[in-house]
Amino acid sequence: MKIAANAATLLLAMAFLVQPAVAEGDAEAGEKLGYTCLGCHGIEGYRNAYPSYRVPKLGGQKAGYLVIALKGYRSGERSHPTMQAQATSMSDQEIEDVAAYLASLGGDTVASGGSEAPPLEAAAACAACHGQNGISMNAAWPTLAGQYESYLKHALDQYRSGARKNAIMAAQAAIIAEEDVALLARYYANLNGLETTKVD
């Protein structure tokens, strides 16, 4: 327990040193570009073909984090052919505009407890950045509450294998026991938070 608390404190300190600027996008301008995103992210339960996992929910996600994710796909730090093709065609301003648009589609949900308590040592490190309730207070860090279980597991597996590059997450994912990966994914998926992006 003490090890987890020390890891969480170190992680929080490191994260404050590497915080990027908050997104300054124009949601109205981003609507024209971001509408194509709904072809996958706007369908409840839509699945990636291979490997098989549910396409992540974006409704309620932080704009700052969406900017980081899109730039990660553009630079190759994140690996997904469709997402890389989309992000490569966008300028920095277009990425910020799309992120602002997608973030504007989510409701203001407040997370509540899940049906299963996470393993305490594994969750302590997560909570330092992603919040006790799975909703991050920092725009640069993703909300986990309500995200699809299979996507959360896929993301952790990518950090563990090095397929998704992020020094902080790679270090954290490496110390999570294999059996705790599934428990954490299930726990955060059962919290109220993110939703499938939809337009009226």
N, C-alpha and C. Protein backbone atom coordinates (compact mmCIF):
# COMPACT_ATOMS: atom_id res chain seq x y z
N MET A 1 0.83 -1.19 0.00
CA MET A 1 0.00 0.00 0.00
C MET A 1 0.87 1.26 0.00
N LYS A 2 1.96 1.22 0.83
CA LYS A 2 2.86 2.36 0.90
C LYS A 2 3.57 2.56 -0.45
N ILE A 3 3.93 1.44 -1.10
CA ILE A 3 4.60 1.52 -2.41
C ILE A 3 3.69 2.20 -3.42
N ALA A 4 2.40 1.82 -3.42
CA ALA A 4 1.44 2.41 -4.35
C ALA A 4 1.28 3.91 -4.09
N ALA A 5 1.22 4.29 -2.81
CA ALA A 5 1.06 5.71 -2.48
C ALA A 5 2.28 6.51 -2.94
N ASN A 6 3.49 5.94 -2.74
CA ASN A 6 4.72 6.61 -3.19
C ASN A 6 4.75 6.73 -4.71
N ALA A 7 4.32 5.65 -5.40
CA ALA A 7 4.28 5.68 -6.87
C ALA A 7 3.31 6.73 -7.36
N ALA A 8 2.16 6.84 -6.68
CA ALA A 8 1.15 7.82 -7.08
C ALA A 8 1.68 9.24 -6.88
N THR A 9 2.38 9.48 -5.78
CA THR A 9 2.94 10.81 -5.51
C THR A 9 4.00 11.17 -6.56
N LEU A 10 4.87 10.21 -6.89
CA LEU A 10 5.90 10.44 -7.90
C LEU A 10 5.27 10.71 -9.26
N LEU A 11 4.26 9.91 -9.60
CA LEU A 11 3.58 10.08 -10.88
C LEU A 11 2.95 11.46 -10.98
N LEU A 12 2.29 11.91 -9.92
CA LEU A 12 1.65 13.22 -9.92
C LEU A 12 2.68 14.33 -10.10
N ALA A 13 3.80 14.21 -9.41
CA ALA A 13 4.86 15.22 -9.53
C ALA A 13 5.41 15.27 -10.95
N MET A 14 5.65 14.10 -11.53
CA MET A 14 6.16 14.04 -12.90
C MET A 14 5.16 14.63 -13.88
N ALA A 15 3.91 14.34 -13.69
CA ALA A 15 2.88 14.78 -14.62
C ALA A 15 2.76 16.30 -14.64
N PHE A 16 2.93 16.94 -13.50
CA PHE A 16 2.85 18.40 -13.47
C PHE A 16 3.99 19.04 -14.25
N LEU A 17 5.12 18.34 -14.34
CA LEU A 17 6.26 18.87 -15.08
C LEU A 17 6.10 18.78 -16.58
N VAL A 18 5.23 17.88 -17.06
CA VAL A 18 5.11 17.66 -18.50
C VAL A 18 3.73 18.03 -19.04
N GLN A 19 3.01 18.89 -18.34
CA GLN A 19 1.67 19.25 -18.79
C GLN A 19 1.72 20.10 -20.05
N PRO A 20 0.98 19.68 -21.09
CA PRO A 20 0.90 20.52 -22.29
C PRO A 20 -0.12 21.63 -22.10
N ALA A 21 -0.13 22.55 -23.03
CA ALA A 21 -1.11 23.63 -22.97
C ALA A 21 -2.51 23.08 -23.19
N VAL A 22 -3.49 23.73 -22.61
CA VAL A 22 -4.88 23.35 -22.77
C VAL A 22 -5.34 23.70 -24.18
N ALA A 23 -6.18 22.84 -24.75
CA ALA A 23 -6.65 23.06 -26.12
C ALA A 23 -7.42 24.37 -26.22
N GLU A 24 -7.22 25.07 -27.33
CA GLU A 24 -7.89 26.34 -27.60
C GLU A 24 -8.65 26.24 -28.91
N GLY A 25 -9.44 25.20 -29.07
CA GLY A 25 -10.12 24.97 -30.34
C GLY A 25 -11.44 25.68 -30.46
N ASP A 26 -11.91 25.78 -31.68
CA ASP A 26 -13.19 26.37 -32.03
C ASP A 26 -14.15 25.24 -32.38
N ALA A 27 -15.10 24.96 -31.50
CA ALA A 27 -16.02 23.83 -31.68
C ALA A 27 -16.85 23.96 -32.96
N GLU A 28 -17.22 25.18 -33.30
CA GLU A 28 -18.03 25.38 -34.52
C GLU A 28 -17.23 25.03 -35.77
N ALA A 29 -15.97 25.45 -35.80
CA ALA A 29 -15.11 25.11 -36.94
C ALA A 29 -14.82 23.61 -36.96
N GLY A 30 -14.68 23.02 -35.77
CA GLY A 30 -14.39 21.59 -35.67
C GLY A 30 -15.53 20.69 -36.07
N GLU A 31 -16.76 21.22 -36.07
CA GLU A 31 -17.93 20.39 -36.40
C GLU A 31 -17.84 19.82 -37.81
N LYS A 32 -17.39 20.65 -38.76
CA LYS A 32 -17.30 20.19 -40.15
C LYS A 32 -16.30 19.05 -40.30
N LEU A 33 -15.15 19.17 -39.65
CA LEU A 33 -14.13 18.12 -39.72
C LEU A 33 -14.49 16.93 -38.83
N GLY A 34 -15.02 17.21 -37.66
CA GLY A 34 -15.28 16.17 -36.66
C GLY A 34 -16.49 15.31 -36.94
N TYR A 35 -17.32 15.74 -37.87
CA TYR A 35 -18.53 14.97 -38.15
C TYR A 35 -18.19 13.56 -38.64
N THR A 36 -17.09 13.42 -39.38
CA THR A 36 -16.70 12.09 -39.87
C THR A 36 -16.30 11.16 -38.73
N CYS A 37 -15.85 11.72 -37.61
CA CYS A 37 -15.47 10.91 -36.45
C CYS A 37 -16.65 10.09 -35.93
N LEU A 38 -17.86 10.65 -36.11
CA LEU A 38 -19.05 10.00 -35.58
C LEU A 38 -19.40 8.73 -36.34
N GLY A 39 -18.78 8.53 -37.53
CA GLY A 39 -19.00 7.30 -38.28
C GLY A 39 -18.58 6.06 -37.50
N CYS A 40 -17.63 6.23 -36.59
CA CYS A 40 -17.22 5.12 -35.70
C CYS A 40 -17.56 5.42 -34.24
N HIS A 41 -17.18 6.63 -33.79
CA HIS A 41 -17.34 6.96 -32.37
C HIS A 41 -18.78 7.33 -32.00
N GLY A 42 -19.62 7.51 -33.00
CA GLY A 42 -21.02 7.87 -32.72
C GLY A 42 -21.97 6.69 -32.77
N ILE A 43 -21.43 5.47 -32.89
CA ILE A 43 -22.26 4.27 -32.94
C ILE A 43 -22.06 3.48 -31.65
N GLU A 44 -23.11 3.32 -30.89
CA GLU A 44 -23.04 2.61 -29.60
C GLU A 44 -22.50 1.19 -29.81
N GLY A 45 -21.42 0.87 -29.10
CA GLY A 45 -20.87 -0.48 -29.12
C GLY A 45 -20.09 -0.85 -30.36
N TYR A 46 -19.79 0.12 -31.24
CA TYR A 46 -19.06 -0.17 -32.48
C TYR A 46 -17.70 -0.79 -32.15
N ARG A 47 -17.30 -1.79 -32.93
CA ARG A 47 -16.07 -2.53 -32.63
C ARG A 47 -14.99 -2.31 -33.68
N ASN A 48 -13.75 -2.25 -33.22
CA ASN A 48 -12.59 -2.32 -34.08
C ASN A 48 -12.47 -3.78 -34.52
N ALA A 49 -12.15 -4.02 -35.80
CA ALA A 49 -12.13 -5.39 -36.31
C ALA A 49 -10.99 -6.23 -35.73
N TYR A 50 -9.75 -5.75 -35.86
CA TYR A 50 -8.63 -6.52 -35.35
C TYR A 50 -7.53 -5.59 -34.88
N PRO A 51 -7.10 -5.70 -33.64
CA PRO A 51 -7.68 -6.59 -32.64
C PRO A 51 -9.08 -6.12 -32.27
N SER A 52 -9.88 -7.02 -31.76
CA SER A 52 -11.28 -6.71 -31.48
C SER A 52 -11.44 -6.03 -30.11
N TYR A 53 -11.93 -4.80 -30.15
CA TYR A 53 -12.27 -4.06 -28.93
C TYR A 53 -13.26 -2.98 -29.34
N ARG A 54 -14.01 -2.47 -28.40
CA ARG A 54 -14.99 -1.44 -28.71
C ARG A 54 -14.29 -0.10 -28.95
N VAL A 55 -14.72 0.60 -30.00
CA VAL A 55 -14.18 1.92 -30.32
C VAL A 55 -14.50 2.84 -29.14
N PRO A 56 -13.53 3.61 -28.66
CA PRO A 56 -13.75 4.37 -27.44
C PRO A 56 -14.85 5.43 -27.52
N LYS A 57 -15.51 5.60 -26.38
CA LYS A 57 -16.50 6.68 -26.24
C LYS A 57 -15.74 7.99 -26.11
N LEU A 58 -16.24 9.03 -26.76
CA LEU A 58 -15.60 10.35 -26.69
C LEU A 58 -16.49 11.39 -26.02
N GLY A 59 -17.77 11.14 -25.91
CA GLY A 59 -18.69 12.10 -25.29
C GLY A 59 -18.35 12.33 -23.83
N GLY A 60 -17.97 13.56 -23.49
CA GLY A 60 -17.57 13.89 -22.12
C GLY A 60 -16.07 13.85 -21.92
N GLN A 61 -15.32 13.43 -22.93
CA GLN A 61 -13.86 13.39 -22.80
C GLN A 61 -13.31 14.82 -22.84
N LYS A 62 -12.16 15.02 -22.25
CA LYS A 62 -11.52 16.34 -22.19
C LYS A 62 -10.93 16.72 -23.55
N ALA A 63 -11.15 17.97 -23.97
CA ALA A 63 -10.62 18.44 -25.25
C ALA A 63 -9.10 18.37 -25.26
N GLY A 64 -8.46 18.76 -24.16
CA GLY A 64 -7.00 18.73 -24.09
C GLY A 64 -6.44 17.34 -24.32
N TYR A 65 -7.10 16.35 -23.74
CA TYR A 65 -6.65 14.97 -23.93
C TYR A 65 -6.86 14.52 -25.37
N LEU A 66 -7.99 14.91 -25.99
CA LEU A 66 -8.26 14.54 -27.38
C LEU A 66 -7.19 15.12 -28.31
N VAL A 67 -6.72 16.32 -28.02
CA VAL A 67 -5.64 16.93 -28.79
C VAL A 67 -4.38 16.07 -28.67
N ILE A 68 -4.04 15.66 -27.46
CA ILE A 68 -2.86 14.84 -27.23
C ILE A 68 -2.98 13.52 -27.99
N ALA A 69 -4.16 12.90 -27.93
CA ALA A 69 -4.37 11.62 -28.60
C ALA A 69 -4.23 11.76 -30.12
N LEU A 70 -4.87 12.77 -30.69
CA LEU A 70 -4.80 12.96 -32.14
C LEU A 70 -3.37 13.26 -32.59
N LYS A 71 -2.66 14.07 -31.84
CA LYS A 71 -1.26 14.35 -32.19
C LYS A 71 -0.40 13.10 -32.02
N GLY A 72 -0.77 12.25 -31.07
CA GLY A 72 -0.06 10.98 -30.91
C GLY A 72 -0.24 10.07 -32.11
N TYR A 73 -1.46 10.03 -32.65
CA TYR A 73 -1.69 9.25 -33.87
C TYR A 73 -0.92 9.86 -35.05
N ARG A 74 -0.92 11.18 -35.11
CA ARG A 74 -0.25 11.86 -36.22
C ARG A 74 1.25 11.61 -36.20
N SER A 75 1.84 11.58 -35.00
CA SER A 75 3.29 11.40 -34.88
C SER A 75 3.72 9.94 -34.91
N GLY A 76 2.77 9.03 -34.77
CA GLY A 76 3.10 7.62 -34.73
C GLY A 76 3.31 7.07 -33.33
N GLU A 77 3.15 7.93 -32.30
CA GLU A 77 3.26 7.45 -30.92
C GLU A 77 2.12 6.49 -30.59
N ARG A 78 1.02 6.63 -31.31
CA ARG A 78 -0.11 5.71 -31.18
C ARG A 78 -0.29 5.02 -32.53
N SER A 79 -0.58 3.73 -32.45
CA SER A 79 -0.68 2.95 -33.67
C SER A 79 -2.11 2.52 -33.95
N HIS A 80 -2.68 3.04 -35.03
CA HIS A 80 -3.98 2.61 -35.55
C HIS A 80 -4.10 3.21 -36.95
N PRO A 81 -4.11 2.37 -38.00
CA PRO A 81 -4.05 2.89 -39.37
C PRO A 81 -5.11 3.94 -39.70
N THR A 82 -6.36 3.70 -39.32
CA THR A 82 -7.43 4.66 -39.64
C THR A 82 -7.22 5.97 -38.91
N MET A 83 -6.90 5.89 -37.61
CA MET A 83 -6.70 7.10 -36.82
C MET A 83 -5.45 7.85 -37.28
N GLN A 84 -4.41 7.14 -37.66
CA GLN A 84 -3.20 7.80 -38.15
C GLN A 84 -3.50 8.53 -39.46
N ALA A 85 -4.27 7.91 -40.34
CA ALA A 85 -4.63 8.56 -41.61
C ALA A 85 -5.45 9.81 -41.37
N GLN A 86 -6.39 9.74 -40.44
CA GLN A 86 -7.22 10.92 -40.13
C GLN A 86 -6.37 12.04 -39.55
N ALA A 87 -5.56 11.71 -38.55
CA ALA A 87 -4.78 12.73 -37.84
C ALA A 87 -3.69 13.34 -38.73
N THR A 88 -3.08 12.54 -39.61
CA THR A 88 -2.01 13.03 -40.48
C THR A 88 -2.50 14.12 -41.42
N SER A 89 -3.78 14.08 -41.76
CA SER A 89 -4.33 15.06 -42.70
C SER A 89 -4.71 16.38 -42.02
N MET A 90 -4.52 16.48 -40.69
CA MET A 90 -4.98 17.65 -39.95
C MET A 90 -3.84 18.52 -39.44
N SER A 91 -4.06 19.84 -39.48
CA SER A 91 -3.10 20.79 -38.91
C SER A 91 -3.32 20.84 -37.39
N ASP A 92 -2.41 21.49 -36.68
CA ASP A 92 -2.57 21.66 -35.23
C ASP A 92 -3.90 22.34 -34.90
N GLN A 93 -4.23 23.40 -35.64
CA GLN A 93 -5.47 24.13 -35.36
C GLN A 93 -6.69 23.26 -35.63
N GLU A 94 -6.66 22.48 -36.69
CA GLU A 94 -7.78 21.59 -37.01
C GLU A 94 -7.96 20.53 -35.93
N ILE A 95 -6.84 20.02 -35.41
CA ILE A 95 -6.92 19.05 -34.32
C ILE A 95 -7.57 19.68 -33.10
N GLU A 96 -7.17 20.90 -32.78
CA GLU A 96 -7.76 21.57 -31.61
C GLU A 96 -9.24 21.86 -31.83
N ASP A 97 -9.61 22.22 -33.06
CA ASP A 97 -11.02 22.49 -33.36
C ASP A 97 -11.86 21.22 -33.26
N VAL A 98 -11.36 20.12 -33.82
CA VAL A 98 -12.09 18.84 -33.75
C VAL A 98 -12.23 18.40 -32.29
N ALA A 99 -11.16 18.55 -31.52
CA ALA A 99 -11.20 18.16 -30.11
C ALA A 99 -12.24 18.98 -29.35
N ALA A 100 -12.28 20.28 -29.62
CA ALA A 100 -13.27 21.14 -28.96
C ALA A 100 -14.69 20.73 -29.33
N TYR A 101 -14.90 20.39 -30.60
CA TYR A 101 -16.22 19.96 -31.05
C TYR A 101 -16.62 18.64 -30.37
N LEU A 102 -15.75 17.65 -30.41
CA LEU A 102 -16.09 16.34 -29.83
C LEU A 102 -16.33 16.46 -28.32
N ALA A 103 -15.51 17.25 -27.64
CA ALA A 103 -15.69 17.43 -26.19
C ALA A 103 -17.01 18.13 -25.88
N SER A 104 -17.49 18.97 -26.80
CA SER A 104 -18.74 19.70 -26.55
C SER A 104 -19.97 18.81 -26.64
N LEU A 105 -19.83 17.61 -27.20
CA LEU A 105 -20.97 16.72 -27.39
C LEU A 105 -21.32 15.91 -26.16
N GLY A 106 -20.44 15.87 -25.18
CA GLY A 106 -20.70 15.07 -23.98
C GLY A 106 -21.50 15.82 -22.95
N GLY A 107 -22.21 15.06 -22.13
CA GLY A 107 -22.97 15.65 -21.03
C GLY A 107 -22.07 15.86 -19.83
N ASP A 108 -22.57 16.63 -18.87
CA ASP A 108 -21.83 16.85 -17.63
C ASP A 108 -22.25 15.78 -16.64
N THR A 109 -21.62 14.62 -16.72
CA THR A 109 -21.97 13.53 -15.84
C THR A 109 -21.05 13.50 -14.64
N VAL A 110 -21.58 13.05 -13.53
CA VAL A 110 -20.79 12.89 -12.32
C VAL A 110 -20.65 11.40 -12.08
N ALA A 111 -19.42 10.95 -11.91
CA ALA A 111 -19.20 9.53 -11.74
C ALA A 111 -19.67 9.06 -10.38
N SER A 112 -20.13 7.83 -10.34
CA SER A 112 -20.51 7.20 -9.09
C SER A 112 -19.79 5.86 -9.00
N GLY A 113 -19.88 5.23 -7.85
CA GLY A 113 -19.16 3.98 -7.63
C GLY A 113 -19.56 2.87 -8.56
N GLY A 114 -18.58 2.04 -8.91
CA GLY A 114 -18.83 0.89 -9.76
C GLY A 114 -19.31 -0.29 -8.94
N SER A 115 -19.58 -1.39 -9.62
CA SER A 115 -20.11 -2.56 -8.93
C SER A 115 -19.01 -3.39 -8.29
N GLU A 116 -17.77 -3.08 -8.58
CA GLU A 116 -16.66 -3.86 -8.06
C GLU A 116 -15.53 -2.94 -7.68
N ALA A 117 -15.02 -3.09 -6.46
CA ALA A 117 -13.90 -2.25 -6.03
C ALA A 117 -12.64 -2.68 -6.75
N PRO A 118 -11.82 -1.71 -7.18
CA PRO A 118 -10.58 -2.09 -7.87
C PRO A 118 -9.55 -2.57 -6.86
N PRO A 119 -8.51 -3.28 -7.31
CA PRO A 119 -7.43 -3.64 -6.39
C PRO A 119 -6.77 -2.34 -5.92
N LEU A 120 -6.69 -2.15 -4.62
CA LEU A 120 -6.30 -0.85 -4.07
C LEU A 120 -4.95 -0.36 -4.54
N GLU A 121 -3.95 -1.20 -4.56
CA GLU A 121 -2.62 -0.74 -4.95
C GLU A 121 -2.60 -0.30 -6.42
N ALA A 122 -3.26 -1.04 -7.29
CA ALA A 122 -3.29 -0.68 -8.71
C ALA A 122 -4.08 0.61 -8.92
N ALA A 123 -5.19 0.77 -8.22
CA ALA A 123 -6.04 1.94 -8.41
C ALA A 123 -5.42 3.22 -7.84
N ALA A 124 -4.58 3.09 -6.84
CA ALA A 124 -3.98 4.29 -6.22
C ALA A 124 -3.18 5.07 -7.24
N ALA A 125 -2.40 4.39 -8.05
CA ALA A 125 -1.60 5.07 -9.07
C ALA A 125 -2.50 5.70 -10.13
N CYS A 126 -3.59 5.02 -10.51
CA CYS A 126 -4.53 5.55 -11.52
C CYS A 126 -5.20 6.83 -11.01
N ALA A 127 -5.63 6.79 -9.74
CA ALA A 127 -6.39 7.90 -9.17
C ALA A 127 -5.58 9.19 -9.11
N ALA A 128 -4.25 9.08 -9.04
CA ALA A 128 -3.42 10.28 -8.95
C ALA A 128 -3.63 11.21 -10.13
N CYS A 129 -3.88 10.65 -11.31
CA CYS A 129 -4.11 11.47 -12.51
C CYS A 129 -5.55 11.41 -12.99
N HIS A 130 -6.16 10.24 -12.90
CA HIS A 130 -7.49 10.04 -13.48
C HIS A 130 -8.62 10.27 -12.49
N GLY A 131 -8.29 10.65 -11.25
CA GLY A 131 -9.30 10.97 -10.26
C GLY A 131 -9.83 9.74 -9.53
N GLN A 132 -10.27 9.95 -8.29
CA GLN A 132 -10.82 8.85 -7.48
C GLN A 132 -12.04 8.24 -8.14
N ASN A 133 -12.80 9.06 -8.86
CA ASN A 133 -14.04 8.59 -9.50
C ASN A 133 -13.86 8.34 -11.00
N GLY A 134 -12.61 8.34 -11.46
CA GLY A 134 -12.35 8.07 -12.88
C GLY A 134 -12.51 9.26 -13.79
N ILE A 135 -12.80 10.44 -13.21
CA ILE A 135 -12.94 11.66 -14.01
C ILE A 135 -11.79 12.60 -13.65
N SER A 136 -10.90 12.79 -14.61
CA SER A 136 -9.72 13.60 -14.37
C SER A 136 -10.08 15.07 -14.24
N MET A 137 -9.38 15.75 -13.35
CA MET A 137 -9.57 17.19 -13.17
C MET A 137 -8.65 17.98 -14.11
N ASN A 138 -7.70 17.30 -14.76
CA ASN A 138 -6.75 17.95 -15.64
C ASN A 138 -7.13 17.67 -17.09
N ALA A 139 -7.18 18.70 -17.89
CA ALA A 139 -7.60 18.56 -19.30
C ALA A 139 -6.67 17.68 -20.12
N ALA A 140 -5.45 17.48 -19.66
CA ALA A 140 -4.49 16.68 -20.43
C ALA A 140 -4.62 15.18 -20.16
N TRP A 141 -5.36 14.81 -19.13
CA TRP A 141 -5.46 13.40 -18.77
C TRP A 141 -6.87 12.90 -19.06
N PRO A 142 -6.99 11.69 -19.62
CA PRO A 142 -8.32 11.21 -20.00
C PRO A 142 -9.21 10.81 -18.84
N THR A 143 -10.49 11.01 -19.03
CA THR A 143 -11.50 10.45 -18.14
C THR A 143 -11.61 8.97 -18.49
N LEU A 144 -11.64 8.12 -17.46
CA LEU A 144 -11.76 6.68 -17.65
C LEU A 144 -13.16 6.18 -17.34
N ALA A 145 -13.88 6.92 -16.49
CA ALA A 145 -15.20 6.47 -16.04
C ALA A 145 -16.15 6.30 -17.21
N GLY A 146 -16.75 5.12 -17.31
CA GLY A 146 -17.74 4.87 -18.35
C GLY A 146 -17.17 4.40 -19.67
N GLN A 147 -15.83 4.39 -19.80
CA GLN A 147 -15.22 3.94 -21.06
C GLN A 147 -15.45 2.43 -21.22
N TYR A 148 -15.48 1.95 -22.44
CA TYR A 148 -15.66 0.53 -22.68
C TYR A 148 -14.55 -0.28 -22.03
N GLU A 149 -14.92 -1.36 -21.37
CA GLU A 149 -13.96 -2.24 -20.69
C GLU A 149 -12.91 -2.78 -21.67
N SER A 150 -13.36 -3.23 -22.84
CA SER A 150 -12.41 -3.82 -23.80
C SER A 150 -11.42 -2.78 -24.32
N TYR A 151 -11.87 -1.52 -24.46
CA TYR A 151 -10.94 -0.48 -24.92
C TYR A 151 -9.91 -0.15 -23.83
N LEU A 152 -10.35 -0.06 -22.58
CA LEU A 152 -9.42 0.23 -21.49
C LEU A 152 -8.36 -0.87 -21.39
N LYS A 153 -8.78 -2.11 -21.52
CA LYS A 153 -7.83 -3.23 -21.46
C LYS A 153 -6.87 -3.15 -22.65
N HIS A 154 -7.41 -2.85 -23.84
CA HIS A 154 -6.57 -2.72 -25.03
C HIS A 154 -5.53 -1.61 -24.84
N ALA A 155 -5.95 -0.46 -24.32
CA ALA A 155 -5.02 0.66 -24.12
C ALA A 155 -3.92 0.29 -23.14
N LEU A 156 -4.28 -0.34 -22.02
CA LEU A 156 -3.26 -0.76 -21.06
C LEU A 156 -2.30 -1.78 -21.67
N ASP A 157 -2.84 -2.72 -22.43
CA ASP A 157 -1.99 -3.70 -23.10
C ASP A 157 -1.01 -3.02 -24.06
N GLN A 158 -1.48 -1.98 -24.76
CA GLN A 158 -0.60 -1.25 -25.69
C GLN A 158 0.51 -0.52 -24.94
N TYR A 159 0.18 0.09 -23.80
CA TYR A 159 1.22 0.75 -23.01
C TYR A 159 2.23 -0.28 -22.49
N ARG A 160 1.73 -1.45 -22.07
CA ARG A 160 2.60 -2.49 -21.54
C ARG A 160 3.54 -3.06 -22.61
N SER A 161 3.05 -3.17 -23.84
CA SER A 161 3.86 -3.74 -24.93
C SER A 161 4.76 -2.71 -25.60
N GLY A 162 4.48 -1.42 -25.39
CA GLY A 162 5.25 -0.36 -26.04
C GLY A 162 4.66 0.08 -27.37
N ALA A 163 3.51 -0.52 -27.77
CA ALA A 163 2.86 -0.13 -29.03
C ALA A 163 2.31 1.29 -28.93
N ARG A 164 1.92 1.73 -27.74
CA ARG A 164 1.49 3.10 -27.51
C ARG A 164 2.54 3.74 -26.62
N LYS A 165 3.11 4.84 -27.07
CA LYS A 165 4.26 5.42 -26.39
C LYS A 165 3.86 6.59 -25.50
N ASN A 166 4.12 6.44 -24.22
CA ASN A 166 3.93 7.49 -23.24
C ASN A 166 4.74 7.04 -22.03
N ALA A 167 5.79 7.77 -21.70
CA ALA A 167 6.72 7.33 -20.66
C ALA A 167 6.04 7.10 -19.32
N ILE A 168 5.13 7.99 -18.93
CA ILE A 168 4.47 7.86 -17.64
C ILE A 168 3.55 6.64 -17.64
N MET A 169 2.72 6.51 -18.68
CA MET A 169 1.79 5.39 -18.72
C MET A 169 2.52 4.06 -18.91
N ALA A 170 3.58 4.04 -19.68
CA ALA A 170 4.34 2.80 -19.87
C ALA A 170 4.89 2.31 -18.53
N ALA A 171 5.43 3.24 -17.74
CA ALA A 171 5.98 2.88 -16.43
C ALA A 171 4.89 2.38 -15.49
N GLN A 172 3.75 3.05 -15.51
CA GLN A 172 2.64 2.65 -14.62
C GLN A 172 2.04 1.31 -15.05
N ALA A 173 1.81 1.15 -16.35
CA ALA A 173 1.20 -0.08 -16.84
C ALA A 173 2.10 -1.28 -16.59
N ALA A 174 3.40 -1.07 -16.63
CA ALA A 174 4.35 -2.17 -16.44
C ALA A 174 4.28 -2.77 -15.05
N ILE A 175 3.88 -1.97 -14.06
CA ILE A 175 3.85 -2.50 -12.68
C ILE A 175 2.48 -3.02 -12.28
N ILE A 176 1.50 -2.94 -13.18
CA ILE A 176 0.18 -3.49 -12.88
C ILE A 176 0.20 -4.98 -13.18
N ALA A 177 -0.21 -5.78 -12.21
CA ALA A 177 -0.25 -7.23 -12.42
C ALA A 177 -1.25 -7.56 -13.52
N GLU A 178 -0.96 -8.62 -14.26
CA GLU A 178 -1.81 -9.02 -15.40
C GLU A 178 -3.27 -9.16 -14.98
N GLU A 179 -3.52 -9.79 -13.84
CA GLU A 179 -4.90 -10.00 -13.40
C GLU A 179 -5.58 -8.69 -13.00
N ASP A 180 -4.80 -7.68 -12.60
CA ASP A 180 -5.36 -6.39 -12.21
C ASP A 180 -5.75 -5.55 -13.41
N VAL A 181 -5.15 -5.80 -14.58
CA VAL A 181 -5.50 -5.05 -15.79
C VAL A 181 -6.98 -5.24 -16.09
N ALA A 182 -7.44 -6.47 -16.07
CA ALA A 182 -8.85 -6.76 -16.34
C ALA A 182 -9.76 -6.19 -15.26
N LEU A 183 -9.34 -6.29 -13.99
CA LEU A 183 -10.15 -5.76 -12.89
C LEU A 183 -10.31 -4.24 -12.99
N LEU A 184 -9.20 -3.55 -13.28
CA LEU A 184 -9.26 -2.09 -13.41
C LEU A 184 -10.13 -1.67 -14.58
N ALA A 185 -10.00 -2.36 -15.72
CA ALA A 185 -10.81 -2.04 -16.89
C ALA A 185 -12.29 -2.21 -16.58
N ARG A 186 -12.64 -3.30 -15.89
CA ARG A 186 -14.05 -3.54 -15.53
C ARG A 186 -14.55 -2.49 -14.54
N TYR A 187 -13.72 -2.16 -13.56
CA TYR A 187 -14.10 -1.18 -12.55
C TYR A 187 -14.43 0.18 -13.18
N TYR A 188 -13.49 0.70 -13.99
CA TYR A 188 -13.70 2.03 -14.58
C TYR A 188 -14.86 2.02 -15.59
N ALA A 189 -15.03 0.92 -16.31
CA ALA A 189 -16.14 0.83 -17.27
C ALA A 189 -17.49 0.91 -16.58
N ASN A 190 -17.56 0.46 -15.33
CA ASN A 190 -18.83 0.45 -14.60
C ASN A 190 -19.15 1.76 -13.88
N LEU A 191 -18.25 2.73 -13.95
CA LEU A 191 -18.53 4.05 -13.37
C LEU A 191 -19.32 4.89 -14.37
N ASN A 192 -20.11 5.82 -13.87
CA ASN A 192 -20.82 6.75 -14.74
C ASN A 192 -19.86 7.82 -15.21
N GLY A 193 -19.86 8.08 -16.50
CA GLY A 193 -18.95 9.10 -17.02
C GLY A 193 -19.11 9.28 -18.51
N LEU A 194 -18.19 8.75 -19.30
CA LEU A 194 -18.19 8.93 -20.75
C LEU A 194 -19.43 8.30 -21.39
N GLU A 195 -19.77 8.83 -22.55
CA GLU A 195 -20.90 8.30 -23.30
C GLU A 195 -20.56 8.32 -24.79
N THR A 196 -21.32 7.56 -25.55
CA THR A 196 -21.12 7.55 -27.00
C THR A 196 -21.46 8.93 -27.55
N THR A 197 -20.59 9.45 -28.41
CA THR A 197 -20.81 10.79 -28.99
C THR A 197 -22.02 10.78 -29.90
N LYS A 198 -22.94 11.67 -29.65
CA LYS A 198 -24.15 11.74 -30.49
C LYS A 198 -24.50 13.19 -30.77
N VAL A 199 -25.12 13.41 -31.90
CA VAL A 199 -25.64 14.74 -32.24
C VAL A 199 -27.15 14.63 -32.42
N ASP A 200 -27.83 15.74 -32.17
CA ASP A 200 -29.29 15.75 -32.33
C ASP A 200 -29.69 15.83 -33.80
